Amino acid sequence: MRPFDYERATSLHDASERMSDAAAIIAGGTNLLDLMKIQVMTPSRLVDISRLDGLDRIDDHDGGLRIGALVTNTALATDPRVRAGWPVLSRAILAGASAQIRNKATTGGNLLQRTRCPYFYDTAMACNKRAPGTGCSAQGGSGRMLALLGTSEDCLAAHPSDMAVALAVLGASVEITAPSGELRTLPVTQLYTLPGNRPDIETDLKQGEIITAVVLPAPRPGTAQTYRKVRDRASYAFALVSVAAVVLMDGDTIAEASLAFGGIAPRPWTDGSVNALLAGAEASDESFARAAAQLVPDSAPHPETEFKRPLLRRTLIATLREATGLAGRVDTARSL
């Protein structure tokens, strides 16, 4: 780890004033410190916001919730209001990391965690996300954890957050505070940028801006919510594919469906055409297969992510069976 200055911010304005290209915000530090140890990130200054007042609360807000950026993953996942009204969020958070990390990791930090692409973590390899213009060693390299959708020739990395996928399916927004004190909000799905030819630019955050809260809209009565994560081992592993679903049924018909996907793209992935295809459709394997065909690309951007195409298809169908109640009424053991 390279030497750095540590500074404790006294206010949001103070934190913004201390920010520069060579500085980094630290709160829980569960991802940042790991990256600093292996010199993937080398800030010359850490600005600690972990003791700022008011950012560690979950408050009722217009029928929904306002979740402070310093709320820990554990506190958010176990909050009775979240478990009752937005259970998909609780399930997604509990599917991520370990209990020890969830106790320390924050809401804002979870949203801004960096990719787990092995070439991003290896400073001996070319990585446009880590060092723009050096190339992408994932092209022609190992690709098991890479993305399936939204990639470019310059980057194949996938976003790692489980929580962000659940927030995307719930229509959550991110509250961002500028150095001037001005607030702006973005849907979670618009916080992230696709790699294009600048994979190093990962979010829409401007210089000195800080995520201060996440806002959840009011829960939808009568919806079924679920989160399904497929990974290499049962715990402490990032998703190969994950699906978050919020479904409203009208008898055997899907009245509304909202889906979001993780492990397959540089950001939490949503596809409005898939939601539209399901709305008004009968809850059946045939309807689910049509939705999967709409979502899954015809080919993978890397030969080693080809397995994610059928895996995504099967995971989506299994998730929809659970969310619509079909799993309890039909034989789910047959081939998908």
Protein backbone atom coordinates (compact mmCIF):
# COMPACT_ATOMS: atom_id res chain seq x y z
CA MET A 1 0.00 0.00 0.00
CA ARG A 2 1.33 3.42 -0.92
CA PRO A 3 1.47 6.26 1.63
CA PHE A 4 -1.61 8.49 1.82
CA ASP A 5 -3.04 11.33 3.91
CA TYR A 6 -6.07 10.63 6.06
CA GLU A 7 -8.56 13.43 6.69
CA ARG A 8 -11.82 13.31 8.61
CA ALA A 9 -14.57 15.43 7.03
CA THR A 10 -16.61 17.61 9.36
CA SER A 11 -19.52 18.10 6.93
CA LEU A 12 -20.64 17.16 3.44
CA HIS A 13 -19.40 20.51 2.16
CA ASP A 14 -16.04 19.92 3.84
CA ALA A 15 -15.82 16.45 2.28
CA SER A 16 -16.57 17.84 -1.19
CA GLU A 17 -13.98 20.58 -0.76
CA ARG A 18 -11.32 18.01 0.08
CA MET A 19 -12.06 15.90 -2.99
CA SER A 20 -9.81 15.87 -6.06
CA ASP A 21 -8.70 13.41 -8.72
CA ALA A 22 -6.11 12.10 -6.25
CA ALA A 23 -8.56 11.71 -3.34
CA ALA A 24 -11.10 9.04 -2.43
CA ILE A 25 -14.08 8.95 -0.07
CA ILE A 26 -13.93 6.25 2.60
CA ALA A 27 -16.71 5.04 4.88
CA GLY A 28 -16.77 1.27 5.47
CA GLY A 29 -13.78 0.76 3.19
CA THR A 30 -14.52 -2.91 2.53
CA ASN A 31 -13.66 -2.65 -1.18
CA LEU A 32 -11.43 0.42 -1.27
CA LEU A 33 -8.86 -0.82 1.24
CA ASP A 34 -8.49 -4.14 -0.59
CA LEU A 35 -7.81 -2.27 -3.82
CA MET A 36 -5.32 0.02 -2.13
CA LYS A 37 -3.38 -2.92 -0.70
CA ILE A 38 -2.73 -4.30 -4.19
CA GLN A 39 -2.27 -0.79 -5.66
CA VAL A 40 -5.18 -1.00 -8.05
CA MET A 41 -6.35 2.24 -6.44
CA THR A 42 -3.68 4.61 -5.16
CA PRO A 43 -5.33 7.74 -3.75
CA SER A 44 -2.98 10.19 -2.09
CA ARG A 45 -5.76 11.28 0.28
CA LEU A 46 -8.63 9.49 2.01
CA VAL A 47 -11.57 11.63 3.09
CA ASP A 48 -13.48 9.88 5.89
CA ILE A 49 -17.23 10.61 5.97
CA SER A 50 -18.13 7.79 8.35
CA ARG A 51 -18.89 10.11 11.26
CA LEU A 52 -21.08 12.64 9.46
CA ASP A 53 -24.41 13.16 11.18
CA GLY A 54 -27.66 12.06 9.58
CA LEU A 55 -26.31 9.70 6.94
CA ASP A 56 -26.79 6.54 8.98
CA ARG A 57 -30.59 6.72 9.31
CA ILE A 58 -33.48 5.03 7.52
CA ASP A 59 -36.40 7.46 7.49
CA ASP A 60 -39.98 7.21 6.24
CA HIS A 61 -40.31 9.27 3.06
CA ASP A 62 -43.48 9.87 0.98
CA GLY A 63 -44.77 6.37 1.68
CA GLY A 64 -41.36 4.88 0.98
CA LEU A 65 -37.97 5.11 2.66
CA ARG A 66 -34.97 7.41 2.54
CA ILE A 67 -31.87 5.33 3.27
CA GLY A 68 -28.78 7.26 4.33
CA ALA A 69 -25.56 6.49 2.47
CA LEU A 70 -23.87 5.34 5.70
CA VAL A 71 -26.56 2.81 6.64
CA THR A 72 -24.80 -0.54 6.83
CA ASN A 73 -25.86 -3.44 4.68
CA THR A 74 -26.80 -5.38 7.80
CA ALA A 75 -28.99 -2.58 9.17
CA LEU A 76 -30.75 -2.20 5.82
CA ALA A 77 -31.35 -5.91 5.24
CA THR A 78 -32.75 -6.48 8.73
CA ASP A 79 -34.89 -3.33 9.02
CA PRO A 80 -38.49 -4.51 9.66
CA ARG A 81 -39.89 -1.98 7.17
CA VAL A 82 -37.59 -3.24 4.42
CA ARG A 83 -38.35 -6.89 5.16
CA ALA A 84 -42.09 -6.21 5.06
CA GLY A 85 -42.40 -3.83 2.12
CA TRP A 86 -39.33 -4.52 -0.01
CA PRO A 87 -38.27 -8.11 0.76
CA VAL A 88 -36.39 -8.45 -2.53
CA LEU A 89 -33.91 -5.87 -1.23
CA SER A 90 -33.36 -7.73 2.01
CA ARG A 91 -32.87 -11.02 0.15
CA ALA A 92 -30.40 -9.49 -2.29
CA ILE A 93 -28.25 -7.93 0.43
CA LEU A 94 -28.18 -11.13 2.48
CA ALA A 95 -27.07 -13.02 -0.64
CA GLY A 96 -23.95 -10.86 -0.85
CA ALA A 97 -20.59 -10.98 0.94
CA SER A 98 -20.28 -12.28 4.50
CA ALA A 99 -21.95 -11.19 7.73
CA GLN A 100 -18.75 -9.46 8.85
CA ILE A 101 -18.51 -7.43 5.65
CA ARG A 102 -22.23 -6.58 5.68
CA ASN A 103 -21.76 -5.21 9.21
CA LYS A 104 -19.21 -2.71 7.88
CA ALA A 105 -20.20 -2.07 4.26
CA THR A 106 -22.40 0.96 3.60
CA THR A 107 -25.26 1.63 1.22
CA GLY A 108 -23.31 4.24 -0.76
CA GLY A 109 -20.18 2.12 -0.85
CA ASN A 110 -22.09 -0.93 -2.07
CA LEU A 111 -23.39 1.04 -5.04
CA LEU A 112 -19.90 2.26 -5.91
CA GLN A 113 -17.94 -0.96 -5.45
CA ARG A 114 -15.62 -1.84 -8.29
CA THR A 115 -15.76 -4.78 -10.68
CA ARG A 116 -14.27 -8.13 -9.71
CA CYS A 117 -12.83 -8.73 -13.19
CA PRO A 118 -9.52 -10.54 -12.53
CA TYR A 119 -7.68 -8.33 -15.01
CA PHE A 120 -8.80 -5.20 -13.19
CA TYR A 121 -7.29 -6.66 -10.00
CA ASP A 122 -3.99 -7.68 -11.62
CA THR A 123 -1.76 -4.64 -12.14
CA ALA A 124 0.53 -6.69 -14.40
CA MET A 125 -2.28 -7.01 -16.97
CA ALA A 126 -3.69 -4.42 -19.35
CA CYS A 127 -7.01 -2.94 -18.20
CA ASN A 128 -8.74 0.07 -19.70
CA LYS A 129 -10.86 0.45 -16.57
CA ARG A 130 -7.80 0.68 -14.32
CA ALA A 131 -5.44 2.40 -16.79
CA PRO A 132 -7.26 3.94 -19.79
CA GLY A 133 -5.75 3.20 -23.16
CA THR A 134 -3.70 0.18 -22.11
CA GLY A 135 -6.06 -2.42 -23.58
CA CYS A 136 -8.32 -5.16 -22.25
CA SER A 137 -6.59 -8.39 -21.27
CA ALA A 138 -9.97 -10.06 -20.84
CA GLN A 139 -10.22 -10.14 -24.62
CA GLY A 140 -8.71 -13.54 -25.34
CA GLY A 141 -8.20 -14.27 -21.64
CA SER A 142 -10.25 -15.98 -18.94
CA GLY A 143 -13.88 -14.94 -19.07
CA ARG A 144 -16.01 -16.84 -16.56
CA MET A 145 -16.98 -13.78 -14.48
CA LEU A 146 -17.32 -11.35 -17.39
CA ALA A 147 -20.44 -9.63 -18.69
CA LEU A 148 -22.87 -10.87 -21.31
CA LEU A 149 -24.65 -7.62 -22.18
CA GLY A 150 -23.65 -3.94 -22.44
CA THR A 151 -19.98 -4.61 -23.11
CA SER A 152 -17.60 -2.95 -25.56
CA GLU A 153 -14.34 -3.85 -27.28
CA ASP A 154 -12.57 -1.92 -24.52
CA CYS A 155 -14.16 -3.64 -21.52
CA LEU A 156 -16.02 -6.86 -20.71
CA ALA A 157 -16.27 -6.39 -16.93
CA ALA A 158 -19.47 -7.01 -14.97
CA HIS A 159 -20.82 -4.98 -12.06
CA PRO A 160 -20.73 -6.99 -8.81
CA SER A 161 -23.46 -5.52 -6.58
CA ASP A 162 -26.47 -7.59 -5.48
CA MET A 163 -28.07 -4.67 -3.68
CA ALA A 164 -28.01 -2.47 -6.78
CA VAL A 165 -29.94 -5.09 -8.75
CA ALA A 166 -32.72 -5.10 -6.15
CA LEU A 167 -32.78 -1.30 -6.03
CA ALA A 168 -33.08 -1.22 -9.81
CA VAL A 169 -36.09 -3.55 -9.87
CA LEU A 170 -37.76 -1.46 -7.15
CA GLY A 171 -37.38 1.78 -9.08
CA ALA A 172 -35.15 3.35 -6.41
CA SER A 173 -33.37 6.66 -6.88
CA VAL A 174 -30.00 7.91 -5.69
CA GLU A 175 -29.73 11.28 -3.95
CA ILE A 176 -26.51 13.09 -4.85
CA THR A 177 -25.15 16.19 -3.12
CA ALA A 178 -22.93 18.61 -5.06
CA PRO A 179 -20.18 20.75 -3.48
CA SER A 180 -22.58 23.72 -3.65
CA GLY A 181 -25.07 21.81 -1.50
CA GLU A 182 -27.47 21.37 -4.41
CA LEU A 183 -29.27 18.02 -4.51
CA ARG A 184 -30.07 15.99 -7.58
CA THR A 185 -31.59 12.55 -7.91
CA LEU A 186 -31.05 9.83 -10.46
CA PRO A 187 -32.74 6.49 -10.92
CA VAL A 188 -30.32 3.79 -9.83
CA THR A 189 -30.31 2.51 -13.41
CA GLN A 190 -29.00 5.89 -14.61
CA LEU A 191 -26.24 6.18 -12.01
CA TYR A 192 -24.01 3.85 -14.01
CA THR A 193 -22.50 4.39 -17.46
CA LEU A 194 -21.74 1.68 -20.01
CA PRO A 195 -18.04 1.26 -20.81
CA GLY A 196 -17.94 2.34 -24.46
CA ASN A 197 -14.41 3.60 -25.11
CA ARG A 198 -14.03 4.98 -21.54
CA PRO A 199 -14.46 2.07 -19.13
CA ASP A 200 -12.73 4.10 -16.42
CA ILE A 201 -15.79 6.38 -16.22
CA GLU A 202 -18.21 4.16 -14.32
CA THR A 203 -20.86 6.52 -12.97
CA ASP A 204 -22.56 9.84 -13.64
CA LEU A 205 -21.01 11.38 -10.50
CA LYS A 206 -19.23 14.69 -11.07
CA GLN A 207 -16.16 16.03 -9.25
CA GLY A 208 -16.92 16.52 -5.57
CA GLU A 209 -20.39 14.97 -5.70
CA ILE A 210 -21.27 12.51 -2.94
CA ILE A 211 -24.07 9.96 -2.74
CA THR A 212 -26.00 10.90 0.39
CA ALA A 213 -29.07 8.64 0.25
CA VAL A 214 -31.11 6.10 -1.65
CA VAL A 215 -34.84 6.72 -1.94
CA LEU A 216 -37.25 3.79 -2.18
CA PRO A 217 -40.71 4.49 -3.61
CA ALA A 218 -43.76 3.26 -1.74
CA PRO A 219 -44.19 -0.53 -1.86
CA ARG A 220 -46.69 -2.00 -4.31
CA PRO A 221 -49.45 -3.87 -2.45
CA GLY A 222 -50.07 -7.40 -3.61
CA THR A 223 -46.78 -7.90 -5.42
CA ALA A 224 -44.59 -10.97 -5.09
CA GLN A 225 -40.89 -10.19 -4.77
CA THR A 226 -37.96 -12.54 -5.09
CA TYR A 227 -34.22 -12.60 -5.74
CA ARG A 228 -32.40 -15.58 -7.20
CA LYS A 229 -28.61 -15.70 -7.34
CA VAL A 230 -26.55 -18.36 -9.11
CA ARG A 231 -22.92 -18.54 -8.00
CA ASP A 232 -20.03 -20.95 -7.76
CA ARG A 233 -20.51 -21.61 -4.03
CA ALA A 234 -23.25 -21.08 -1.50
CA SER A 235 -21.78 -18.01 0.23
CA TYR A 236 -19.29 -15.19 -0.19
CA ALA A 237 -19.30 -15.44 -3.98
CA PHE A 238 -20.32 -12.99 -6.67
CA ALA A 239 -23.18 -13.76 -9.01
CA LEU A 240 -22.65 -15.54 -12.28
CA VAL A 241 -26.28 -14.62 -12.95
CA SER A 242 -28.89 -13.08 -10.67
CA VAL A 243 -32.51 -12.08 -11.21
CA ALA A 244 -34.67 -9.76 -9.12
CA ALA A 245 -38.41 -9.85 -9.79
CA VAL A 246 -41.43 -7.88 -8.64
CA VAL A 247 -44.64 -9.35 -10.05
CA LEU A 248 -48.31 -8.44 -9.64
CA MET A 249 -50.75 -11.21 -10.52
CA ASP A 250 -54.40 -11.05 -11.55
CA GLY A 251 -55.52 -14.63 -11.21
CA ASP A 252 -53.34 -16.64 -13.59
CA THR A 253 -52.40 -13.52 -15.59
CA ILE A 254 -49.33 -11.37 -15.00
CA ALA A 255 -50.74 -7.87 -14.51
CA GLU A 256 -47.32 -6.24 -14.12
CA ALA A 257 -43.74 -7.47 -14.04
CA SER A 258 -40.48 -5.71 -13.25
CA LEU A 259 -37.17 -7.52 -13.65
CA ALA A 260 -33.53 -6.64 -13.09
CA PHE A 261 -30.43 -8.74 -13.62
CA GLY A 262 -26.97 -8.98 -12.08
CA GLY A 263 -23.69 -10.63 -13.02
CA ILE A 264 -24.34 -10.13 -16.72
CA ALA A 265 -23.60 -6.46 -17.46
CA PRO A 266 -21.46 -3.46 -16.41
CA ARG A 267 -24.45 -2.16 -14.43
CA PRO A 268 -27.66 -3.62 -12.97
CA TRP A 269 -29.40 -4.64 -16.19
CA THR A 270 -33.02 -3.89 -17.02
CA ASP A 271 -34.95 -4.42 -20.24
CA GLY A 272 -38.32 -2.73 -20.57
CA SER A 273 -39.27 -4.86 -23.54
CA VAL A 274 -39.10 -8.00 -21.39
CA ASN A 275 -41.36 -6.42 -18.76
CA ALA A 276 -43.80 -5.34 -21.48
CA LEU A 277 -43.85 -8.83 -23.00
CA LEU A 278 -44.83 -10.35 -19.67
CA ALA A 279 -47.52 -7.80 -18.80
CA GLY A 280 -50.90 -9.30 -19.64
CA ALA A 281 -49.44 -12.74 -20.38
CA GLU A 282 -50.57 -15.97 -18.79
CA ALA A 283 -48.19 -17.32 -16.16
CA SER A 284 -46.83 -20.28 -18.10
CA ASP A 285 -43.57 -21.84 -19.18
CA GLU A 286 -44.29 -20.68 -22.71
CA SER A 287 -44.64 -17.04 -21.63
CA PHE A 288 -41.49 -17.25 -19.55
CA ALA A 289 -39.56 -18.80 -22.44
CA ARG A 290 -40.63 -15.93 -24.72
CA ALA A 291 -39.39 -13.44 -22.13
CA ALA A 292 -36.07 -15.28 -21.89
CA ALA A 293 -35.70 -15.31 -25.67
CA GLN A 294 -36.27 -11.55 -25.69
CA LEU A 295 -33.56 -10.97 -23.08
CA VAL A 296 -30.79 -13.44 -23.84
CA PRO A 297 -28.43 -12.37 -26.65
CA ASP A 298 -27.82 -14.57 -29.68
CA SER A 299 -24.13 -14.86 -28.84
CA ALA A 300 -21.72 -14.07 -26.01
CA PRO A 301 -19.03 -11.37 -26.28
CA HIS A 302 -16.46 -13.82 -24.90
CA PRO A 303 -16.36 -17.58 -25.55
CA GLU A 304 -16.10 -18.36 -21.83
CA THR A 305 -19.33 -16.47 -21.07
CA GLU A 306 -21.29 -18.57 -23.55
CA PHE A 307 -22.45 -20.72 -20.62
CA LYS A 308 -24.22 -17.67 -19.18
CA ARG A 309 -26.71 -17.62 -22.05
CA PRO A 310 -28.53 -20.85 -21.09
CA LEU A 311 -27.87 -20.13 -17.40
CA LEU A 312 -29.59 -16.74 -17.67
CA ARG A 313 -32.49 -18.32 -19.51
CA ARG A 314 -33.00 -21.02 -16.90
CA THR A 315 -32.57 -18.63 -13.99
CA LEU A 316 -35.11 -16.18 -15.39
CA ILE A 317 -37.68 -18.92 -15.96
CA ALA A 318 -37.14 -20.36 -12.46
CA THR A 319 -37.48 -16.89 -10.92
CA LEU A 320 -40.71 -16.19 -12.78
CA ARG A 321 -42.12 -19.56 -11.74
CA GLU A 322 -41.45 -18.65 -8.12
CA ALA A 323 -42.78 -15.09 -8.37
CA THR A 324 -46.01 -16.11 -10.13
CA GLY A 325 -46.67 -19.17 -7.96
CA LEU A 326 -46.32 -21.51 -10.91
CA ALA A 327 -43.49 -23.39 -9.22
CA GLY A 328 -45.90 -24.75 -6.64
CA ARG A 329 -48.42 -25.96 -9.22
CA VAL A 330 -46.41 -27.66 -11.96
CA ASP A 331 -43.50 -30.03 -12.33
CA THR A 332 -40.41 -27.81 -12.26
CA ALA A 333 -37.94 -30.64 -12.63
CA ARG A 334 -38.35 -30.96 -16.39
CA SER A 335 -35.76 -29.55 -18.74
CA LEU A 336 -35.87 -25.83 -19.51
